[in-house]
């Protein structure tokens, strides 16, 4: 999973990223996912999977808590009655 937060202007941010299926066999047709940090959470269901990838829904907000560098983010992905949870790690510079 890749996840990027871009601060557009003071007090607003835009989130972009992808989630890629790396398991054995065929990727599911749809998934649901949730992402939570101390500052905010995001959740969605029935997101179509195309070529094994999901583009994260644009999580832009205004006057919200800006997700800062080093923020711990927990991700939970659900598909076909299965669930997987993991924490996002920061990319090494």
N, C-alpha and C. Protein backbone atom coordinates (compact mmCIF):
# COMPACT_ATOMS: atom_id res chain seq x y z
N UNK A 1 0.84 -1.17 0.00
CA UNK A 1 0.00 0.00 0.00
C UNK A 1 0.89 1.23 0.00
N UNK A 2 0.53 2.20 -0.82
CA UNK A 2 1.18 3.51 -0.77
C UNK A 2 0.14 4.52 -0.30
N UNK A 3 0.59 5.49 0.46
CA UNK A 3 -0.30 6.48 1.05
C UNK A 3 0.47 7.77 1.17
N UNK A 4 -0.07 8.84 0.62
CA UNK A 4 0.62 10.14 0.64
C UNK A 4 -0.36 11.22 1.04
N UNK A 5 0.07 12.07 1.95
CA UNK A 5 -0.74 13.21 2.39
C UNK A 5 -0.06 14.47 1.89
N UNK A 6 -0.84 15.30 1.19
CA UNK A 6 -0.32 16.55 0.65
C UNK A 6 -1.08 17.68 1.30
N UNK A 7 -0.36 18.57 1.98
CA UNK A 7 -1.01 19.74 2.57
C UNK A 7 -1.18 20.77 1.46
N UNK A 8 -2.43 21.05 1.09
CA UNK A 8 -2.73 21.95 -0.03
C UNK A 8 -2.60 23.41 0.39
N UNK A 9 -3.15 23.75 1.53
CA UNK A 9 -3.07 25.09 2.08
C UNK A 9 -3.28 24.96 3.57
N UNK A 10 -3.09 25.99 4.30
CA UNK A 10 -3.22 25.91 5.75
C UNK A 10 -4.59 25.35 6.14
N UNK A 11 -4.58 24.24 6.87
CA UNK A 11 -5.82 23.65 7.35
C UNK A 11 -6.50 22.70 6.40
N UNK A 12 -5.88 22.40 5.24
CA UNK A 12 -6.50 21.43 4.32
C UNK A 12 -5.44 20.44 3.85
N UNK A 13 -5.91 19.26 3.48
CA UNK A 13 -5.00 18.24 2.99
C UNK A 13 -5.71 17.37 1.96
N UNK A 14 -4.92 16.69 1.16
CA UNK A 14 -5.44 15.75 0.18
C UNK A 14 -4.64 14.46 0.33
N UNK A 15 -5.34 13.33 0.29
CA UNK A 15 -4.72 12.02 0.44
C UNK A 15 -4.79 11.30 -0.89
N UNK A 16 -3.68 10.65 -1.25
CA UNK A 16 -3.67 9.84 -2.47
C UNK A 16 -2.89 8.56 -2.20
N UNK A 17 -3.22 7.52 -2.92
CA UNK A 17 -2.51 6.27 -2.73
C UNK A 17 -3.17 5.10 -3.42
N UNK A 18 -2.54 3.93 -3.31
CA UNK A 18 -3.05 2.71 -3.90
C UNK A 18 -2.87 1.55 -2.94
N UNK A 19 -3.71 0.56 -3.13
CA UNK A 19 -3.64 -0.69 -2.37
C UNK A 19 -3.56 -1.79 -3.42
N UNK A 20 -2.51 -2.63 -3.34
CA UNK A 20 -2.29 -3.66 -4.36
C UNK A 20 -2.41 -5.05 -3.76
N UNK A 21 -3.15 -5.91 -4.43
CA UNK A 21 -3.31 -7.31 -4.02
C UNK A 21 -2.04 -8.08 -4.39
N UNK A 22 -1.42 -8.73 -3.40
CA UNK A 22 -0.19 -9.48 -3.66
C UNK A 22 -0.33 -10.95 -3.28
N UNK A 23 -1.55 -11.39 -2.98
CA UNK A 23 -1.78 -12.77 -2.58
C UNK A 23 -1.74 -13.72 -3.76
N UNK A 24 -1.79 -15.02 -3.42
CA UNK A 24 -1.85 -16.06 -4.45
C UNK A 24 -3.25 -16.08 -5.06
N UNK A 25 -3.34 -16.48 -6.29
CA UNK A 25 -4.64 -16.59 -6.93
C UNK A 25 -5.13 -15.26 -7.46
N UNK A 26 -6.39 -15.26 -7.82
CA UNK A 26 -7.02 -14.09 -8.42
C UNK A 26 -7.41 -13.07 -7.36
N UNK A 27 -7.22 -11.80 -7.68
CA UNK A 27 -7.61 -10.72 -6.77
C UNK A 27 -9.13 -10.69 -6.64
N UNK A 28 -9.65 -10.26 -5.49
CA UNK A 28 -11.10 -10.15 -5.32
C UNK A 28 -11.65 -9.06 -6.25
N UNK A 29 -12.95 -9.12 -6.50
CA UNK A 29 -13.58 -8.10 -7.35
C UNK A 29 -13.76 -6.78 -6.63
N UNK A 30 -14.06 -6.84 -5.32
CA UNK A 30 -14.22 -5.62 -4.51
C UNK A 30 -13.60 -5.86 -3.14
N UNK A 31 -13.26 -4.77 -2.48
CA UNK A 31 -12.75 -4.83 -1.11
C UNK A 31 -13.39 -3.70 -0.30
N UNK A 32 -13.21 -3.77 0.99
CA UNK A 32 -13.52 -2.67 1.89
C UNK A 32 -12.26 -2.38 2.67
N UNK A 33 -12.07 -1.15 3.07
CA UNK A 33 -10.89 -0.85 3.88
C UNK A 33 -11.20 0.28 4.85
N UNK A 34 -10.43 0.29 5.94
CA UNK A 34 -10.49 1.40 6.88
C UNK A 34 -9.07 1.77 7.26
N UNK A 35 -8.87 3.04 7.50
CA UNK A 35 -7.57 3.56 7.91
C UNK A 35 -7.82 4.48 9.10
N UNK A 36 -7.05 4.26 10.16
CA UNK A 36 -7.26 5.05 11.37
C UNK A 36 -5.93 5.53 11.94
N UNK A 37 -5.93 6.77 12.35
CA UNK A 37 -4.80 7.34 13.08
C UNK A 37 -5.39 8.05 14.29
N UNK A 38 -4.55 8.59 15.12
CA UNK A 38 -5.03 9.32 16.29
C UNK A 38 -5.86 10.52 15.87
N UNK A 39 -5.52 11.10 14.72
CA UNK A 39 -6.16 12.34 14.27
C UNK A 39 -7.48 12.10 13.55
N UNK A 40 -7.54 11.09 12.66
CA UNK A 40 -8.75 10.89 11.88
C UNK A 40 -8.85 9.46 11.38
N UNK A 41 -10.03 9.12 10.88
CA UNK A 41 -10.26 7.79 10.33
C UNK A 41 -10.98 7.91 9.00
N UNK A 42 -10.88 6.85 8.21
CA UNK A 42 -11.53 6.81 6.91
C UNK A 42 -11.95 5.36 6.68
N UNK A 43 -13.14 5.14 6.16
CA UNK A 43 -13.61 3.80 5.92
C UNK A 43 -14.49 3.78 4.68
N UNK A 44 -14.40 2.69 3.91
CA UNK A 44 -15.23 2.55 2.72
C UNK A 44 -15.43 1.08 2.40
N UNK A 45 -16.48 0.76 1.67
CA UNK A 45 -16.78 -0.62 1.30
C UNK A 45 -17.06 -0.71 -0.19
N UNK A 46 -17.04 -1.95 -0.70
CA UNK A 46 -17.36 -2.24 -2.10
C UNK A 46 -16.56 -1.42 -3.11
N UNK A 47 -15.27 -1.30 -2.87
CA UNK A 47 -14.40 -0.58 -3.79
C UNK A 47 -13.94 -1.56 -4.87
N UNK A 48 -14.15 -1.24 -6.15
CA UNK A 48 -13.75 -2.17 -7.21
C UNK A 48 -12.23 -2.32 -7.31
N UNK A 49 -11.79 -3.55 -7.55
CA UNK A 49 -10.38 -3.86 -7.74
C UNK A 49 -10.14 -4.01 -9.23
N UNK A 50 -9.19 -3.25 -9.78
CA UNK A 50 -8.88 -3.29 -11.20
C UNK A 50 -7.43 -3.69 -11.38
N UNK A 51 -7.20 -4.77 -12.11
CA UNK A 51 -5.85 -5.28 -12.33
C UNK A 51 -5.10 -5.48 -11.01
N UNK A 52 -5.82 -5.93 -9.98
CA UNK A 52 -5.21 -6.21 -8.68
C UNK A 52 -4.94 -4.99 -7.83
N UNK A 53 -5.42 -3.82 -8.24
CA UNK A 53 -5.13 -2.58 -7.51
C UNK A 53 -6.40 -1.80 -7.22
N UNK A 54 -6.34 -1.04 -6.13
CA UNK A 54 -7.41 -0.13 -5.73
C UNK A 54 -6.80 1.25 -5.56
N UNK A 55 -7.42 2.24 -6.17
CA UNK A 55 -7.00 3.62 -5.93
C UNK A 55 -7.78 4.12 -4.73
N UNK A 56 -7.06 4.59 -3.72
CA UNK A 56 -7.72 5.07 -2.51
C UNK A 56 -8.61 6.25 -2.85
N UNK A 57 -9.77 6.28 -2.22
CA UNK A 57 -10.69 7.39 -2.46
C UNK A 57 -10.06 8.67 -1.95
N UNK A 58 -10.25 9.74 -2.70
CA UNK A 58 -9.67 11.03 -2.33
C UNK A 58 -10.16 11.43 -0.96
N UNK A 59 -9.26 11.53 -0.02
CA UNK A 59 -9.62 11.88 1.34
C UNK A 59 -9.32 13.32 1.66
N UNK A 60 -9.71 14.23 0.80
CA UNK A 60 -9.42 15.63 1.08
C UNK A 60 -10.35 16.17 2.16
N UNK A 61 -9.83 17.10 2.94
CA UNK A 61 -10.65 17.74 3.96
C UNK A 61 -10.12 19.14 4.21
N UNK A 62 -10.98 19.98 4.73
CA UNK A 62 -10.64 21.36 5.05
C UNK A 62 -10.90 21.57 6.54
N UNK A 63 -10.03 22.32 7.19
CA UNK A 63 -10.15 22.59 8.63
C UNK A 63 -10.21 21.29 9.44
N UNK A 64 -9.41 20.33 9.05
CA UNK A 64 -9.34 19.07 9.80
C UNK A 64 -7.93 18.93 10.36
N UNK A 65 -7.74 17.97 11.23
CA UNK A 65 -6.41 17.71 11.76
C UNK A 65 -5.52 17.17 10.65
N UNK A 66 -4.44 17.86 10.36
CA UNK A 66 -3.52 17.45 9.31
C UNK A 66 -2.71 16.26 9.82
N UNK A 67 -2.65 15.20 9.03
CA UNK A 67 -1.85 14.04 9.40
C UNK A 67 -0.39 14.42 9.24
N UNK A 68 0.34 14.33 10.33
CA UNK A 68 1.73 14.74 10.35
C UNK A 68 2.66 13.58 10.00
N UNK A 69 3.87 13.93 9.60
CA UNK A 69 4.90 12.93 9.36
C UNK A 69 5.09 12.12 10.64
N UNK A 70 5.37 10.86 10.54
CA UNK A 70 5.60 9.92 11.65
C UNK A 70 4.30 9.50 12.35
N UNK A 71 3.13 9.86 11.82
CA UNK A 71 1.87 9.44 12.42
C UNK A 71 1.65 7.96 12.15
N UNK A 72 1.29 7.22 13.17
CA UNK A 72 0.99 5.80 13.03
C UNK A 72 -0.40 5.64 12.41
N UNK A 73 -0.50 4.85 11.34
CA UNK A 73 -1.77 4.62 10.66
C UNK A 73 -2.02 3.12 10.59
N UNK A 74 -3.16 2.70 11.13
CA UNK A 74 -3.55 1.29 11.10
C UNK A 74 -4.53 1.09 9.94
N UNK A 75 -4.30 0.04 9.16
CA UNK A 75 -5.14 -0.27 8.00
C UNK A 75 -5.79 -1.63 8.20
N UNK A 76 -7.06 -1.73 7.84
CA UNK A 76 -7.76 -3.01 7.86
C UNK A 76 -8.43 -3.18 6.50
N UNK A 77 -8.16 -4.31 5.85
CA UNK A 77 -8.72 -4.60 4.53
C UNK A 77 -9.62 -5.82 4.66
N UNK A 78 -10.81 -5.75 4.07
CA UNK A 78 -11.77 -6.85 4.10
C UNK A 78 -12.14 -7.24 2.68
N UNK A 79 -12.14 -8.56 2.41
CA UNK A 79 -12.54 -9.08 1.10
C UNK A 79 -12.97 -10.53 1.25
N UNK A 80 -14.01 -10.92 0.55
CA UNK A 80 -14.48 -12.30 0.50
C UNK A 80 -14.53 -12.96 1.88
N UNK A 81 -15.01 -12.24 2.90
CA UNK A 81 -15.12 -12.80 4.25
C UNK A 81 -13.80 -12.88 5.00
N UNK A 82 -12.73 -12.34 4.46
CA UNK A 82 -11.41 -12.35 5.11
C UNK A 82 -11.06 -10.94 5.55
N UNK A 83 -10.19 -10.85 6.55
CA UNK A 83 -9.73 -9.56 7.04
C UNK A 83 -8.22 -9.61 7.28
N UNK A 84 -7.54 -8.55 6.90
CA UNK A 84 -6.11 -8.41 7.19
C UNK A 84 -5.87 -7.02 7.74
N UNK A 85 -5.08 -6.94 8.81
CA UNK A 85 -4.74 -5.65 9.43
C UNK A 85 -3.23 -5.47 9.41
N UNK A 86 -2.80 -4.24 9.21
CA UNK A 86 -1.37 -3.92 9.26
C UNK A 86 -1.20 -2.44 9.54
N UNK A 87 -0.01 -2.06 9.94
CA UNK A 87 0.34 -0.66 10.16
C UNK A 87 1.20 -0.19 8.99
N UNK A 88 0.97 1.02 8.54
CA UNK A 88 1.80 1.58 7.48
C UNK A 88 3.15 1.99 8.04
N UNK A 89 4.19 1.66 7.33
CA UNK A 89 5.54 2.07 7.69
C UNK A 89 5.95 3.25 6.83
N UNK A 90 6.74 4.14 7.41
CA UNK A 90 7.23 5.28 6.63
C UNK A 90 8.27 4.82 5.63
N UNK A 91 8.25 5.47 4.49
CA UNK A 91 9.24 5.16 3.47
C UNK A 91 10.57 5.78 3.89
N UNK A 92 11.61 4.99 3.73
CA UNK A 92 12.96 5.48 4.05
C UNK A 92 13.39 6.49 2.99
N UNK A 93 13.99 7.58 3.41
CA UNK A 93 14.45 8.61 2.46
C UNK A 93 15.79 8.26 1.87
